[in-house]
Amino acid sequence: MISAGKFFDGHNDLLLRLWVNHADNPASAFFAGREQGHLDFPRMRQGGFAGGLFAVFVPPVAWLAGERGQEVARVQAQHDALAIAEAQIAILHQLAQASAGRARLCLTATEIEQCLQQDVLALVMHIEGAEMLDEELTLLDRFYHLGLRSIGPFWNLPNRFGVGVSGGFPGSPDTGDGMTAAGKALIRACNQRRLLIDLSHMNEKTFWQTAELSDAPLVATHSNAHALCAQPRNLTNAQLEAIAASDGFVGVNFGNAFLRADGQRNADTSLNEIVNHLCFLLDKLGEDRVGFGSDFDGISVPESLGDVAGMPSLFNALTAAGIDADLQEKLAWRNWLRVLKRTWGQ
């Protein structure tokens, strides 16, 4: 029996925050509670966070220099994408190992469902931006054996596999060239290994190339509707039609800039903006293909939500909008399990 109020989340940047701010003892900080950010174990319990895709993300040099108060040139000299990715993967494993049974690294949808039933935090490894991978993809198998089950080949910046989406508000997702030959090979390799391919940071060309190449459901783990908020990162109606035709899925991003019609990062944003995107996507995709992809610890969220502990307020807003308990359960976790089973095969 899975209790009401639990949810599975399609994207967060907790591993990045633990690597930047708590590298000496990330598991201790996570389980004891952090003063900053959106996620830690106590607040996850409070908010009903039952599991999710945990991003391994190599941040840009300028961002990392600012976070660590260092000169850009100094950080550039130390910026080893593979080493950064391996450090964050190690943190994810530490969270499971130090949890005393409270958290588990999951490799199948069945394991996630078992965690939901047993009140154990389900950890799924995701890569956001494949800068650390080699063109020969030898590292892809290595990471797969370490637990990788989901990958977004691109972030906002170009890499050896192609070009991610970029550009300011308002804007089209048609922001650059598509995939390289190595990028197309990566999509095929992900299909062969039944890895989930995340569309969320793809520009229009890479999106449609993936739709043509991939035989898996099309999934955007943390994206919203371009018709409601014209950020280049959000999905157009044509893209949503393709996702629906593939029996795919979209996880709604809680970031203010991806919710608001004016594209501002203003935290004075109503939870109804999240509800509006959910309802729009339900209309376009159907009630089995929509869920949550919060982007916690990666973006600015509505002040009325605050952090993961505020999730009951979102469920209250869904109820006020007339979304019944059965559909809320689908949005919360059932739809995620459905698409993961279809993608992973178990």
Protein backbone atom coordinates (compact mmCIF):
# COMPACT_ATOMS: atom_id res chain seq x y z
CA MET A 1 0.00 0.00 0.00
CA ILE A 2 1.42 3.37 -1.04
CA SER A 3 0.17 6.19 1.15
CA ALA A 4 -1.46 9.33 -0.23
CA GLY A 5 0.73 12.39 -0.58
CA LYS A 6 3.81 10.50 -1.77
CA PHE A 7 5.34 11.51 -5.07
CA PHE A 8 8.12 10.51 -7.46
CA ASP A 9 10.04 13.39 -8.99
CA GLY A 10 11.65 13.52 -12.43
CA HIS A 11 14.57 15.84 -11.76
CA ASN A 12 16.64 17.45 -9.02
CA ASP A 13 20.16 18.85 -8.55
CA LEU A 14 20.81 17.65 -5.00
CA LEU A 15 24.04 15.85 -5.95
CA LEU A 16 25.49 19.06 -7.38
CA ARG A 17 24.65 20.98 -4.20
CA LEU A 18 26.11 18.28 -1.95
CA TRP A 19 29.27 18.17 -4.08
CA VAL A 20 29.70 21.97 -3.98
CA ASN A 21 28.73 22.62 -0.35
CA HIS A 22 29.21 19.36 1.58
CA ALA A 23 31.96 17.43 -0.19
CA ASP A 24 33.60 16.34 3.08
CA ASN A 25 30.54 14.50 4.39
CA PRO A 26 27.59 14.72 2.00
CA ALA A 27 25.58 11.87 3.52
CA SER A 28 25.74 13.40 6.99
CA ALA A 29 24.52 16.77 5.66
CA PHE A 30 21.73 15.10 3.70
CA PHE A 31 20.36 12.97 6.53
CA ALA A 32 20.82 15.58 9.28
CA GLY A 33 19.33 18.39 7.18
CA ARG A 34 20.76 21.32 5.25
CA GLU A 35 20.06 24.97 6.00
CA GLN A 36 20.07 25.91 2.32
CA GLY A 37 18.50 24.56 -0.83
CA HIS A 38 15.28 22.65 -1.45
CA LEU A 39 16.14 19.06 -0.53
CA ASP A 40 17.38 16.98 2.38
CA PHE A 41 16.09 13.81 3.98
CA PRO A 42 14.02 15.41 6.79
CA ARG A 43 12.27 17.80 4.40
CA MET A 44 11.72 15.03 1.84
CA ARG A 45 9.94 13.03 4.53
CA GLN A 46 7.86 16.04 5.44
CA GLY A 47 6.87 16.75 1.83
CA GLY A 48 6.21 13.18 0.71
CA PHE A 49 9.20 12.90 -1.65
CA ALA A 50 9.38 9.13 -2.16
CA GLY A 51 11.99 8.98 -4.93
CA GLY A 52 13.26 10.55 -8.09
CA LEU A 53 15.86 10.97 -10.78
CA PHE A 54 19.00 12.48 -9.23
CA ALA A 55 21.05 14.44 -11.75
CA VAL A 56 24.80 14.10 -12.20
CA PHE A 57 25.64 17.52 -13.65
CA VAL A 58 28.96 19.14 -14.56
CA PRO A 59 28.41 22.87 -14.01
CA PRO A 60 29.89 25.59 -16.22
CA VAL A 61 33.22 27.01 -15.06
CA ALA A 62 31.84 30.52 -14.45
CA TRP A 63 28.98 29.21 -12.30
CA LEU A 64 31.28 27.03 -10.25
CA ALA A 65 33.79 29.86 -9.76
CA GLY A 66 31.01 32.05 -8.41
CA GLU A 67 29.73 29.35 -6.07
CA ARG A 68 33.20 28.70 -4.67
CA GLY A 69 34.40 32.30 -4.68
CA GLN A 70 37.36 31.51 -6.91
CA GLU A 71 38.87 33.01 -10.05
CA VAL A 72 37.49 31.57 -13.27
CA ALA A 73 40.99 30.76 -14.54
CA ARG A 74 41.76 28.74 -11.41
CA VAL A 75 38.54 26.74 -11.71
CA GLN A 76 39.14 26.22 -15.43
CA ALA A 77 42.49 24.57 -14.68
CA GLN A 78 40.78 22.15 -12.27
CA HIS A 79 37.62 21.55 -14.31
CA ASP A 80 37.68 17.84 -15.14
CA ALA A 81 34.21 16.78 -16.32
CA LEU A 82 34.79 13.09 -15.71
CA ALA A 83 36.18 13.63 -12.21
CA ILE A 84 33.24 15.88 -11.30
CA ALA A 85 30.73 13.32 -12.57
CA GLU A 86 32.46 10.48 -10.72
CA ALA A 87 32.44 12.52 -7.50
CA GLN A 88 28.68 13.09 -7.76
CA ILE A 89 28.05 9.42 -8.58
CA ALA A 90 30.07 8.50 -5.50
CA ILE A 91 27.87 10.82 -3.41
CA LEU A 92 24.72 9.10 -4.69
CA HIS A 93 26.14 5.72 -3.66
CA GLN A 94 27.14 7.14 -0.28
CA LEU A 95 23.57 8.28 0.35
CA ALA A 96 22.32 4.72 -0.16
CA GLN A 97 25.15 3.12 1.82
CA ALA A 98 24.85 5.49 4.78
CA SER A 99 21.06 5.37 4.92
CA ALA A 100 20.66 2.39 7.26
CA GLY A 101 17.95 1.11 4.94
CA ARG A 102 16.22 4.46 4.49
CA ALA A 103 17.33 4.90 0.85
CA ARG A 104 18.10 2.57 -2.05
CA LEU A 105 19.71 2.93 -5.48
CA CYS A 106 17.07 1.60 -7.88
CA LEU A 107 17.78 -0.04 -11.24
CA THR A 108 14.23 -1.03 -12.24
CA ALA A 109 10.72 0.35 -11.97
CA THR A 110 9.81 -2.67 -9.87
CA GLU A 111 12.46 -1.67 -7.33
CA ILE A 112 11.07 1.87 -7.26
CA GLU A 113 7.59 0.52 -6.61
CA GLN A 114 8.93 -1.66 -3.79
CA CYS A 115 10.58 1.40 -2.24
CA LEU A 116 7.31 3.32 -2.44
CA GLN A 117 5.52 0.47 -0.67
CA GLN A 118 8.24 0.05 1.97
CA ASP A 119 8.71 3.78 2.69
CA VAL A 120 12.30 3.72 1.40
CA LEU A 121 13.68 6.65 -0.60
CA ALA A 122 14.15 5.52 -4.24
CA LEU A 123 17.33 6.92 -5.83
CA VAL A 124 17.72 6.76 -9.62
CA MET A 125 20.91 7.96 -11.32
CA HIS A 126 20.46 10.45 -14.17
CA ILE A 127 23.04 12.34 -16.24
CA GLU A 128 22.25 15.91 -17.28
CA GLY A 129 24.61 16.90 -20.08
CA ALA A 130 26.95 14.22 -21.43
CA GLU A 131 30.17 16.29 -21.36
CA MET A 132 31.91 13.56 -19.35
CA LEU A 133 31.25 10.82 -21.91
CA ASP A 134 33.71 9.86 -24.64
CA GLU A 135 32.64 9.63 -28.28
CA GLU A 136 33.37 5.90 -28.24
CA LEU A 137 30.84 5.55 -25.39
CA THR A 138 33.04 3.26 -23.32
CA LEU A 139 32.09 5.26 -20.23
CA LEU A 140 28.38 4.78 -20.90
CA ASP A 141 28.62 1.10 -19.97
CA ARG A 142 30.74 1.91 -16.95
CA PHE A 143 28.13 4.34 -15.66
CA TYR A 144 25.33 1.91 -16.52
CA HIS A 145 26.92 -0.68 -14.24
CA LEU A 146 27.14 2.00 -11.52
CA GLY A 147 23.37 2.52 -11.78
CA LEU A 148 22.77 4.98 -14.62
CA ARG A 149 19.24 4.59 -15.98
CA SER A 150 18.44 8.01 -17.47
CA ILE A 151 20.43 10.51 -19.53
CA GLY A 152 19.88 13.95 -20.98
CA PRO A 153 22.60 14.25 -23.64
CA PHE A 154 22.54 18.06 -23.52
CA TRP A 155 22.37 20.99 -21.18
CA ASN A 156 22.33 24.59 -22.42
CA LEU A 157 25.84 24.51 -23.89
CA PRO A 158 27.14 22.62 -26.95
CA ASN A 159 29.10 19.41 -26.42
CA ARG A 160 30.61 16.70 -28.63
CA PHE A 161 27.16 15.16 -29.11
CA GLY A 162 25.36 18.27 -30.35
CA VAL A 163 23.68 21.47 -29.23
CA GLY A 164 21.30 21.98 -26.33
CA VAL A 165 18.60 24.60 -26.15
CA SER A 166 19.63 28.14 -25.21
CA GLY A 167 18.41 31.71 -25.60
CA GLY A 168 16.37 34.24 -23.71
CA PHE A 169 12.69 34.83 -23.07
CA PRO A 170 10.57 34.94 -25.13
CA GLY A 171 12.06 32.57 -27.63
CA SER A 172 11.68 29.59 -29.88
CA PRO A 173 13.33 26.23 -29.11
CA ASP A 174 14.92 26.41 -32.58
CA THR A 175 18.20 27.73 -31.16
CA GLY A 176 20.96 26.02 -33.11
CA ASP A 177 22.32 23.03 -34.92
CA GLY A 178 21.32 19.47 -34.17
CA MET A 179 23.21 16.35 -33.17
CA THR A 180 26.62 15.28 -34.37
CA ALA A 181 27.26 11.76 -35.62
CA ALA A 182 28.41 10.94 -32.09
CA GLY A 183 25.11 12.26 -30.74
CA LYS A 184 23.10 10.02 -33.03
CA ALA A 185 25.24 7.07 -31.95
CA LEU A 186 24.54 7.99 -28.31
CA ILE A 187 20.77 7.90 -28.91
CA ARG A 188 21.05 4.46 -30.50
CA ALA A 189 23.26 3.22 -27.67
CA CYS A 190 20.74 4.42 -25.09
CA ASN A 191 17.99 2.54 -26.90
CA GLN A 192 20.10 -0.63 -26.94
CA ARG A 193 20.62 -0.37 -23.16
CA ARG A 194 17.02 0.77 -22.57
CA LEU A 195 18.19 3.97 -20.92
CA LEU A 196 15.62 6.75 -20.64
CA ILE A 197 16.54 9.64 -22.97
CA ASP A 198 15.63 13.04 -21.52
CA LEU A 199 14.46 15.66 -24.04
CA SER A 200 14.31 18.55 -21.57
CA HIS A 201 17.41 20.47 -22.72
CA MET A 202 17.19 19.60 -26.42
CA ASN A 203 16.72 22.32 -29.00
CA GLU A 204 14.17 21.83 -31.74
CA LYS A 205 16.54 20.11 -34.16
CA THR A 206 17.90 17.64 -31.58
CA PHE A 207 14.36 16.96 -30.34
CA TRP A 208 13.12 15.95 -33.77
CA GLN A 209 16.26 13.97 -34.55
CA THR A 210 15.73 12.04 -31.32
CA ALA A 211 12.07 11.48 -32.17
CA GLU A 212 13.14 10.01 -35.53
CA LEU A 213 16.00 7.88 -34.17
CA SER A 214 14.62 6.58 -30.89
CA ASP A 215 12.26 3.63 -30.51
CA ALA A 216 11.50 4.48 -26.85
CA PRO A 217 8.74 6.69 -25.42
CA LEU A 218 9.70 10.37 -25.73
CA VAL A 219 10.22 11.78 -22.24
CA ALA A 220 10.94 15.32 -21.03
CA THR A 221 11.70 14.94 -17.34
CA HIS A 222 11.46 18.63 -16.35
CA SER A 223 9.82 20.85 -18.98
CA ASN A 224 6.67 22.92 -19.33
CA ALA A 225 4.30 24.21 -22.00
CA HIS A 226 5.67 26.80 -24.43
CA ALA A 227 2.12 28.00 -25.14
CA LEU A 228 1.84 29.20 -21.52
CA CYS A 229 5.43 30.39 -21.03
CA ALA A 230 7.54 31.10 -24.12
CA GLN A 231 10.88 29.97 -22.70
CA PRO A 232 12.96 28.17 -25.36
CA ARG A 233 13.26 25.26 -22.91
CA ASN A 234 9.51 24.69 -22.85
CA LEU A 235 7.73 22.33 -25.25
CA THR A 236 5.74 23.49 -28.26
CA ASN A 237 2.37 21.99 -29.14
CA ALA A 238 3.97 20.12 -32.05
CA GLN A 239 6.52 18.59 -29.70
CA LEU A 240 3.77 17.62 -27.27
CA GLU A 241 1.90 15.91 -30.12
CA ALA A 242 5.01 13.83 -30.85
CA ILE A 243 5.40 12.91 -27.17
CA ALA A 244 1.75 11.82 -27.00
CA ALA A 245 2.09 9.78 -30.21
CA SER A 246 5.06 7.90 -28.68
CA ASP A 247 3.08 7.23 -25.48
CA GLY A 248 5.70 9.31 -23.69
CA PHE A 249 5.70 11.63 -20.70
CA VAL A 250 6.37 15.17 -19.43
CA GLY A 251 7.38 16.08 -15.87
CA VAL A 252 6.34 19.63 -14.97
CA ASN A 253 9.16 21.94 -13.88
CA PHE A 254 8.48 24.06 -10.77
CA GLY A 255 10.88 26.86 -11.79
CA ASN A 256 9.28 30.29 -11.78
CA ALA A 257 10.91 31.29 -15.08
CA PHE A 258 9.42 28.22 -16.80
CA LEU A 259 5.94 28.75 -15.32
CA ARG A 260 5.12 32.43 -15.63
CA ALA A 261 3.70 33.99 -18.79
CA ASP A 262 6.18 36.86 -18.33
CA GLY A 263 9.15 34.50 -17.96
CA GLN A 264 10.37 36.18 -14.77
CA ARG A 265 12.20 34.36 -11.97
CA ASN A 266 10.04 36.21 -9.44
CA ALA A 267 9.33 33.93 -6.46
CA ASP A 268 6.02 35.71 -5.90
CA THR A 269 4.44 33.09 -8.17
CA SER A 270 1.16 31.35 -7.46
CA LEU A 271 1.02 27.57 -7.19
CA ASN A 272 -1.81 27.87 -9.68
CA GLU A 273 0.87 28.43 -12.33
CA ILE A 274 2.08 24.86 -11.73
CA VAL A 275 -1.52 23.67 -11.81
CA ASN A 276 -2.12 25.53 -15.09
CA HIS A 277 0.81 23.78 -16.79
CA LEU A 278 -0.28 20.41 -15.43
CA CYS A 279 -3.83 20.93 -16.73
CA PHE A 280 -2.60 22.13 -20.13
CA LEU A 281 -0.36 19.11 -20.49
CA LEU A 282 -3.12 16.77 -19.34
CA ASP A 283 -5.28 18.17 -22.11
CA LYS A 284 -2.54 17.69 -24.72
CA LEU A 285 -1.07 14.37 -23.53
CA GLY A 286 -3.82 12.61 -21.59
CA GLU A 287 -3.99 11.75 -17.92
CA ASP A 288 -1.42 8.91 -18.13
CA ARG A 289 1.49 10.96 -19.49
CA VAL A 290 2.03 13.85 -17.05
CA GLY A 291 3.76 14.11 -13.67
CA PHE A 292 6.28 16.13 -11.67
CA GLY A 293 9.82 17.12 -12.65
CA SER A 294 10.47 19.76 -9.99
CA ASP A 295 14.09 20.78 -10.76
CA PHE A 296 14.51 21.26 -6.97
CA ASP A 297 17.94 22.59 -6.02
CA GLY A 298 18.43 23.76 -9.60
CA ILE A 299 16.04 26.68 -9.93
CA SER A 300 13.97 29.32 -8.11
CA VAL A 301 10.55 27.96 -7.10
CA PRO A 302 7.37 29.76 -5.96
CA GLU A 303 7.73 31.20 -2.46
CA SER A 304 4.38 29.60 -1.62
CA LEU A 305 6.03 26.21 -2.21
CA GLY A 306 9.40 27.13 -0.69
CA ASP A 307 11.05 23.71 -0.85
CA VAL A 308 10.12 20.05 -0.92
CA ALA A 309 8.41 20.33 2.49
CA GLY A 310 5.81 22.57 0.84
CA MET A 311 4.50 19.88 -1.50
CA PRO A 312 1.26 19.35 0.49
CA SER A 313 0.36 22.90 -0.54
CA LEU A 314 0.62 21.91 -4.20
CA PHE A 315 -1.64 18.90 -3.64
CA ASN A 316 -4.13 21.25 -1.92
CA ALA A 317 -4.00 23.50 -4.99
CA LEU A 318 -4.67 20.49 -7.23
CA THR A 319 -7.69 19.59 -5.11
CA ALA A 320 -8.97 23.17 -5.26
CA ALA A 321 -8.66 23.00 -9.07
CA GLY A 322 -10.96 19.97 -9.15
CA ILE A 323 -8.30 17.29 -9.73
CA ASP A 324 -9.54 14.22 -7.88
CA ALA A 325 -7.53 11.81 -5.74
CA ASP A 326 -7.14 9.18 -8.48
CA LEU A 327 -5.69 11.65 -10.97
CA GLN A 328 -3.46 13.19 -8.28
CA GLU A 329 -2.05 9.72 -7.63
CA LYS A 330 -1.28 9.35 -11.33
CA LEU A 331 0.47 12.70 -11.40
CA ALA A 332 2.33 11.92 -8.19
CA TRP A 333 3.86 8.55 -9.09
CA ARG A 334 1.76 6.13 -11.15
CA ASN A 335 2.49 7.84 -14.47
CA TRP A 336 6.22 7.88 -13.76
CA LEU A 337 6.21 4.16 -12.99
CA ARG A 338 4.25 3.46 -16.16
CA VAL A 339 6.68 5.23 -18.50
CA LEU A 340 9.74 3.86 -16.71
CA LYS A 341 8.42 0.31 -17.07
CA ARG A 342 7.78 0.90 -20.77
CA THR A 343 11.26 2.36 -21.25
CA TRP A 344 13.32 0.03 -19.08
CA GLY A 345 11.24 -3.10 -19.61
CA GLN A 346 11.04 -3.95 -15.91
